[in-house]
């Protein structure tokens, strides 16, 4: 039933192409962004989780 409804709409065949193009361009851009990222920044951000935390990072500590 739904197939017949969608086939009756003029120009409906362009929407899957637009969706695929947006999907492909987004992930291609994301891959390029990751490849071109500053490696020092990535290394510094990955080391944050391993550092010994002595500061109060709770919500109450941020109010000061």
PDB file of N, CA and C in Angstrom:
ATOM      1  N   UNK A   1       0.824  -1.192   0.000  1.00  0.00           N
ATOM      2  CA  UNK A   1       0.000   0.000   0.000  1.00  0.00           C
ATOM      3  C   UNK A   1       0.865   1.252   0.000  1.00  0.00           C
ATOM      4  N   UNK A   2       1.831   1.325   0.899  1.00  0.00           N
ATOM      5  CA  UNK A   2       2.675   2.514   0.974  1.00  0.00           C
ATOM      6  C   UNK A   2       3.522   2.686  -0.277  1.00  0.00           C
ATOM      7  N   UNK A   3       3.913   1.580  -0.882  1.00  0.00           N
ATOM      8  CA  UNK A   3       4.713   1.644  -2.103  1.00  0.00           C
ATOM      9  C   UNK A   3       3.942   2.363  -3.206  1.00  0.00           C
ATOM     10  N   UNK A   4       2.673   2.080  -3.309  1.00  0.00           N
ATOM     11  CA  UNK A   4       1.853   2.720  -4.333  1.00  0.00           C
ATOM     12  C   UNK A   4       1.679   4.209  -4.045  1.00  0.00           C
ATOM     13  N   UNK A   5       1.589   4.564  -2.794  1.00  0.00           N
ATOM     14  CA  UNK A   5       1.424   5.977  -2.427  1.00  0.00           C
ATOM     15  C   UNK A   5       2.687   6.753  -2.786  1.00  0.00           C
ATOM     16  N   UNK A   6       3.844   6.193  -2.447  1.00  0.00           N
ATOM     17  CA  UNK A   6       5.094   6.884  -2.725  1.00  0.00           C
ATOM     18  C   UNK A   6       5.388   6.954  -4.222  1.00  0.00           C
ATOM     19  N   UNK A   7       4.992   5.955  -4.969  1.00  0.00           N
ATOM     20  CA  UNK A   7       5.209   5.981  -6.416  1.00  0.00           C
ATOM     21  C   UNK A   7       4.363   7.049  -7.091  1.00  0.00           C
ATOM     22  N   UNK A   8       3.277   7.447  -6.479  1.00  0.00           N
ATOM     23  CA  UNK A   8       2.389   8.436  -7.073  1.00  0.00           C
ATOM     24  C   UNK A   8       2.921   9.859  -6.921  1.00  0.00           C
ATOM     25  N   UNK A   9       3.921  10.068  -6.072  1.00  0.00           N
ATOM     26  CA  UNK A   9       4.465  11.403  -5.840  1.00  0.00           C
ATOM     27  C   UNK A   9       5.501  11.713  -6.919  1.00  0.00           C
ATOM     28  N   UNK A  10       5.319  12.832  -7.590  1.00  0.00           N
ATOM     29  CA  UNK A  10       6.275  13.237  -8.627  1.00  0.00           C
ATOM     30  C   UNK A  10       7.583  13.692  -7.999  1.00  0.00           C
ATOM     31  N   UNK A  11       8.697  13.231  -8.546  1.00  0.00           N
ATOM     32  CA  UNK A  11      10.007  13.662  -8.077  1.00  0.00           C
ATOM     33  C   UNK A  11      10.478  12.977  -6.813  1.00  0.00           C
ATOM     34  N   UNK A  12       9.834  11.920  -6.381  1.00  0.00           N
ATOM     35  CA  UNK A  12      10.186  11.249  -5.127  1.00  0.00           C
ATOM     36  C   UNK A  12      11.521  10.518  -5.231  1.00  0.00           C
ATOM     37  N   UNK A  13      11.955  10.174  -6.432  1.00  0.00           N
ATOM     38  CA  UNK A  13      13.182   9.393  -6.587  1.00  0.00           C
ATOM     39  C   UNK A  13      14.445  10.176  -6.244  1.00  0.00           C
ATOM     40  N   UNK A  14      14.356  11.478  -6.112  1.00  0.00           N
ATOM     41  CA  UNK A  14      15.536  12.294  -5.796  1.00  0.00           C
ATOM     42  C   UNK A  14      15.870  12.261  -4.298  1.00  0.00           C
ATOM     43  N   UNK A  15      14.919  12.007  -3.439  1.00  0.00           N
ATOM     44  CA  UNK A  15      15.153  12.042  -1.992  1.00  0.00           C
ATOM     45  C   UNK A  15      16.139  10.987  -1.485  1.00  0.00           C
ATOM     46  N   UNK A  16      16.089   9.747  -1.970  1.00  0.00           N
ATOM     47  CA  UNK A  16      17.125   8.797  -1.536  1.00  0.00           C
ATOM     48  C   UNK A  16      18.526   9.219  -1.982  1.00  0.00           C
ATOM     49  N   UNK A  17      18.635   9.825  -3.151  1.00  0.00           N
ATOM     50  CA  UNK A  17      19.941  10.300  -3.624  1.00  0.00           C
ATOM     51  C   UNK A  17      20.456  11.454  -2.771  1.00  0.00           C
ATOM     52  N   UNK A  18      19.575  12.348  -2.405  1.00  0.00           N
ATOM     53  CA  UNK A  18      19.965  13.467  -1.537  1.00  0.00           C
ATOM     54  C   UNK A  18      20.386  12.946  -0.166  1.00  0.00           C
ATOM     55  N   UNK A  19      19.641  12.015   0.381  1.00  0.00           N
ATOM     56  CA  UNK A  19      19.966  11.445   1.690  1.00  0.00           C
ATOM     57  C   UNK A  19      21.323  10.752   1.669  1.00  0.00           C
ATOM     58  N   UNK A  20      21.575   9.958   0.645  1.00  0.00           N
ATOM     59  CA  UNK A  20      22.849   9.263   0.538  1.00  0.00           C
ATOM     60  C   UNK A  20      24.000  10.251   0.377  1.00  0.00           C
ATOM     61  N   UNK A  21      23.794  11.289  -0.407  1.00  0.00           N
ATOM     62  CA  UNK A  21      24.839  12.290  -0.615  1.00  0.00           C
ATOM     63  C   UNK A  21      25.174  13.006   0.685  1.00  0.00           C
ATOM     64  N   UNK A  22      24.186  13.409   1.450  1.00  0.00           N
ATOM     65  CA  UNK A  22      24.418  14.062   2.737  1.00  0.00           C
ATOM     66  C   UNK A  22      25.159  13.117   3.679  1.00  0.00           C
ATOM     67  N   UNK A  23      24.742  11.871   3.753  1.00  0.00           N
ATOM     68  CA  UNK A  23      25.378  10.862   4.595  1.00  0.00           C
ATOM     69  C   UNK A  23      26.837  10.674   4.190  1.00  0.00           C
ATOM     70  N   UNK A  24      27.093  10.510   2.906  1.00  0.00           N
ATOM     71  CA  UNK A  24      28.442  10.271   2.407  1.00  0.00           C
ATOM     72  C   UNK A  24      29.349  11.471   2.641  1.00  0.00           C
ATOM     73  N   UNK A  25      28.880  12.667   2.355  1.00  0.00           N
ATOM     74  CA  UNK A  25      29.691  13.878   2.531  1.00  0.00           C
ATOM     75  C   UNK A  25      29.995  14.105   4.008  1.00  0.00           C
ATOM     76  N   UNK A  26      29.039  13.862   4.890  1.00  0.00           N
ATOM     77  CA  UNK A  26      29.270  14.044   6.318  1.00  0.00           C
ATOM     78  C   UNK A  26      30.382  13.127   6.813  1.00  0.00           C
ATOM     79  N   UNK A  27      30.292  11.840   6.501  1.00  0.00           N
ATOM     80  CA  UNK A  27      31.297  10.909   6.989  1.00  0.00           C
ATOM     81  C   UNK A  27      32.638  11.068   6.284  1.00  0.00           C
ATOM     82  N   UNK A  28      32.628  11.470   5.041  1.00  0.00           N
ATOM     83  CA  UNK A  28      33.885  11.773   4.359  1.00  0.00           C
ATOM     84  C   UNK A  28      34.551  12.978   5.012  1.00  0.00           C
ATOM     85  N   UNK A  29      33.779  13.996   5.333  1.00  0.00           N
ATOM     86  CA  UNK A  29      34.307  15.155   6.042  1.00  0.00           C
ATOM     87  C   UNK A  29      34.823  14.802   7.420  1.00  0.00           C
ATOM     88  N   UNK A  30      34.126  13.922   8.110  1.00  0.00           N
ATOM     89  CA  UNK A  30      34.559  13.481   9.434  1.00  0.00           C
ATOM     90  C   UNK A  30      35.880  12.728   9.356  1.00  0.00           C
ATOM     91  N   UNK A  31      36.043  11.887   8.367  1.00  0.00           N
ATOM     92  CA  UNK A  31      37.299  11.145   8.195  1.00  0.00           C
ATOM     93  C   UNK A  31      38.443  12.106   7.885  1.00  0.00           C
ATOM     94  N   UNK A  32      38.205  13.073   7.023  1.00  0.00           N
ATOM     95  CA  UNK A  32      39.245  14.058   6.700  1.00  0.00           C
ATOM     96  C   UNK A  32      39.604  14.863   7.938  1.00  0.00           C
ATOM     97  N   UNK A  33      38.625  15.260   8.728  1.00  0.00           N
ATOM     98  CA  UNK A  33      38.870  16.013   9.960  1.00  0.00           C
ATOM     99  C   UNK A  33      39.737  15.222  10.930  1.00  0.00           C
ATOM    100  N   UNK A  34      39.435  13.949  11.107  1.00  0.00           N
ATOM    101  CA  UNK A  34      40.199  13.110  12.036  1.00  0.00           C
ATOM    102  C   UNK A  34      41.628  12.922  11.538  1.00  0.00           C
ATOM    103  N   UNK A  35      41.798  12.728  10.258  1.00  0.00           N
ATOM    104  CA  UNK A  35      43.145  12.540   9.706  1.00  0.00           C
ATOM    105  C   UNK A  35      43.979  13.802   9.860  1.00  0.00           C
ATOM    106  N   UNK A  36      43.366  14.966   9.702  1.00  0.00           N
ATOM    107  CA  UNK A  36      44.096  16.224   9.753  1.00  0.00           C
ATOM    108  C   UNK A  36      44.206  16.821  11.158  1.00  0.00           C
ATOM    109  N   UNK A  37      43.643  16.144  12.165  1.00  0.00           N
ATOM    110  CA  UNK A  37      43.708  16.666  13.538  1.00  0.00           C
ATOM    111  C   UNK A  37      45.144  16.758  14.012  1.00  0.00           C
ATOM    112  N   UNK A  38      45.393  17.717  14.908  1.00  0.00           N
ATOM    113  CA  UNK A  38      46.706  17.872  15.512  1.00  0.00           C
ATOM    114  C   UNK A  38      46.957  16.689  16.443  1.00  0.00           C
ATOM    115  N   UNK A  39      47.999  15.942  16.169  1.00  0.00           N
ATOM    116  CA  UNK A  39      48.285  14.725  16.932  1.00  0.00           C
ATOM    117  C   UNK A  39      48.671  15.038  18.380  1.00  0.00           C
ATOM    118  N   UNK A  40      49.284  16.190  18.622  1.00  0.00           N
ATOM    119  CA  UNK A  40      49.638  16.576  19.992  1.00  0.00           C
ATOM    120  C   UNK A  40      48.373  16.805  20.824  1.00  0.00           C
ATOM    121  N   UNK A  41      47.382  17.427  20.209  1.00  0.00           N
ATOM    122  CA  UNK A  41      46.122  17.682  20.903  1.00  0.00           C
ATOM    123  C   UNK A  41      45.430  16.370  21.257  1.00  0.00           C
ATOM    124  N   UNK A  42      45.411  15.434  20.334  1.00  0.00           N
ATOM    125  CA  UNK A  42      44.777  14.134  20.578  1.00  0.00           C
ATOM    126  C   UNK A  42      45.494  13.408  21.703  1.00  0.00           C
ATOM    127  N   UNK A  43      46.817  13.440  21.689  1.00  0.00           N
ATOM    128  CA  UNK A  43      47.595  12.766  22.729  1.00  0.00           C
ATOM    129  C   UNK A  43      47.337  13.417  24.091  1.00  0.00           C
ATOM    130  N   UNK A  44      47.257  14.748  24.134  1.00  0.00           N
ATOM    131  CA  UNK A  44      46.994  15.447  25.393  1.00  0.00           C
ATOM    132  C   UNK A  44      45.597  15.118  25.922  1.00  0.00           C
ATOM    133  N   UNK A  45      44.608  15.067  25.040  1.00  0.00           N
ATOM    134  CA  UNK A  45      43.249  14.756  25.464  1.00  0.00           C
ATOM    135  C   UNK A  45      43.126  13.307  25.937  1.00  0.00           C
ATOM    136  N   UNK A  46      43.865  12.397  25.314  1.00  0.00           N
ATOM    137  CA  UNK A  46      43.791  11.000  25.728  1.00  0.00           C
ATOM    138  C   UNK A  46      44.485  10.770  27.063  1.00  0.00           C
ATOM    139  N   UNK A  47      45.411  11.645  27.433  1.00  0.00           N
ATOM    140  CA  UNK A  47      46.127  11.487  28.695  1.00  0.00           C
ATOM    141  C   UNK A  47      45.347  12.053  29.880  1.00  0.00           C
ATOM    142  N   UNK A  48      44.328  12.826  29.627  1.00  0.00           N
ATOM    143  CA  UNK A  48      43.552  13.447  30.706  1.00  0.00           C
ATOM    144  C   UNK A  48      42.922  12.376  31.607  1.00  0.00           C
ATOM    145  N   UNK A  49      42.407  11.339  31.027  1.00  0.00           N
ATOM    146  CA  UNK A  49      41.728  10.294  31.809  1.00  0.00           C
ATOM    147  C   UNK A  49      42.702   9.543  32.713  1.00  0.00           C
ATOM    148  N   UNK A  50      43.975   9.530  32.387  1.00  0.00           N
ATOM    149  CA  UNK A  50      44.965   8.779  33.155  1.00  0.00           C
ATOM    150  C   UNK A  50      45.628   9.608  34.251  1.00  0.00           C
ATOM    151  N   UNK A  51      45.425  10.916  34.228  1.00  0.00           N
ATOM    152  CA  UNK A  51      46.065  11.774  35.219  1.00  0.00           C
ATOM    153  C   UNK A  51      45.430  11.587  36.589  1.00  0.00           C
ATOM    154  N   UNK A  52      46.204  11.826  37.612  1.00  0.00           N
ATOM    155  CA  UNK A  52      45.726  11.719  38.979  1.00  0.00           C
ATOM    156  C   UNK A  52      44.981  13.012  39.312  1.00  0.00           C
ATOM    157  N   UNK A  53      43.718  12.908  39.592  1.00  0.00           N
ATOM    158  CA  UNK A  53      42.920  14.097  39.870  1.00  0.00           C
ATOM    159  C   UNK A  53      42.943  14.409  41.356  1.00  0.00           C
ATOM    160  N   UNK A  54      43.358  15.625  41.692  1.00  0.00           N
ATOM    161  CA  UNK A  54      43.350  16.056  43.083  1.00  0.00           C
ATOM    162  C   UNK A  54      42.383  17.215  43.287  1.00  0.00           C
ATOM    163  N   UNK A  55      41.920  17.798  42.205  1.00  0.00           N
ATOM    164  CA  UNK A  55      40.989  18.923  42.305  1.00  0.00           C
ATOM    165  C   UNK A  55      39.575  18.414  42.513  1.00  0.00           C
ATOM    166  N   UNK A  56      38.740  19.294  43.071  1.00  0.00           N
ATOM    167  CA  UNK A  56      37.332  18.983  43.221  1.00  0.00           C
ATOM    168  C   UNK A  56      36.624  19.372  41.930  1.00  0.00           C
ATOM    169  N   UNK A  57      36.205  18.404  41.167  1.00  0.00           N
ATOM    170  CA  UNK A  57      35.566  18.682  39.881  1.00  0.00           C
ATOM    171  C   UNK A  57      34.053  18.494  39.933  1.00  0.00           C
ATOM    172  N   UNK A  58      33.501  18.399  41.144  1.00  0.00           N
ATOM    173  CA  UNK A  58      32.058  18.246  41.261  1.00  0.00           C
ATOM    174  C   UNK A  58      31.384  19.585  41.012  1.00  0.00           C
ATOM    175  N   UNK A  59      30.084  19.567  40.932  1.00  0.00           N
ATOM    176  CA  UNK A  59      29.326  20.791  40.684  1.00  0.00           C
ATOM    177  C   UNK A  59      29.563  21.810  41.797  1.00  0.00           C
ATOM    178  N   UNK A  60      29.673  21.351  43.037  1.00  0.00           N
ATOM    179  CA  UNK A  60      29.897  22.264  44.154  1.00  0.00           C
ATOM    180  C   UNK A  60      31.273  22.929  44.042  1.00  0.00           C
ATOM    181  N   UNK A  61      32.249  22.212  43.511  1.00  0.00           N
ATOM    182  CA  UNK A  61      33.576  22.765  43.345  1.00  0.00           C
ATOM    183  C   UNK A  61      33.623  23.826  42.260  1.00  0.00           C
ATOM    184  N   UNK A  62      32.673  23.775  41.303  1.00  0.00           N
ATOM    185  CA  UNK A  62      32.644  24.752  40.228  1.00  0.00           C
ATOM    186  C   UNK A  62      31.967  26.045  40.639  1.00  0.00           C
ATOM    187  N   UNK A  63      31.219  26.027  41.731  1.00  0.00           N
ATOM    188  CA  UNK A  63      30.510  27.225  42.169  1.00  0.00           C
ATOM    189  C   UNK A  63      31.433  28.287  42.729  1.00  0.00           C
ATOM    190  N   UNK A  64      32.608  27.919  43.165  1.00  0.00           N
ATOM    191  CA  UNK A  64      33.516  28.860  43.838  1.00  0.00           C
ATOM    192  C   UNK A  64      33.900  29.980  42.985  1.00  0.00           C
TER     193      UNK A  64
END
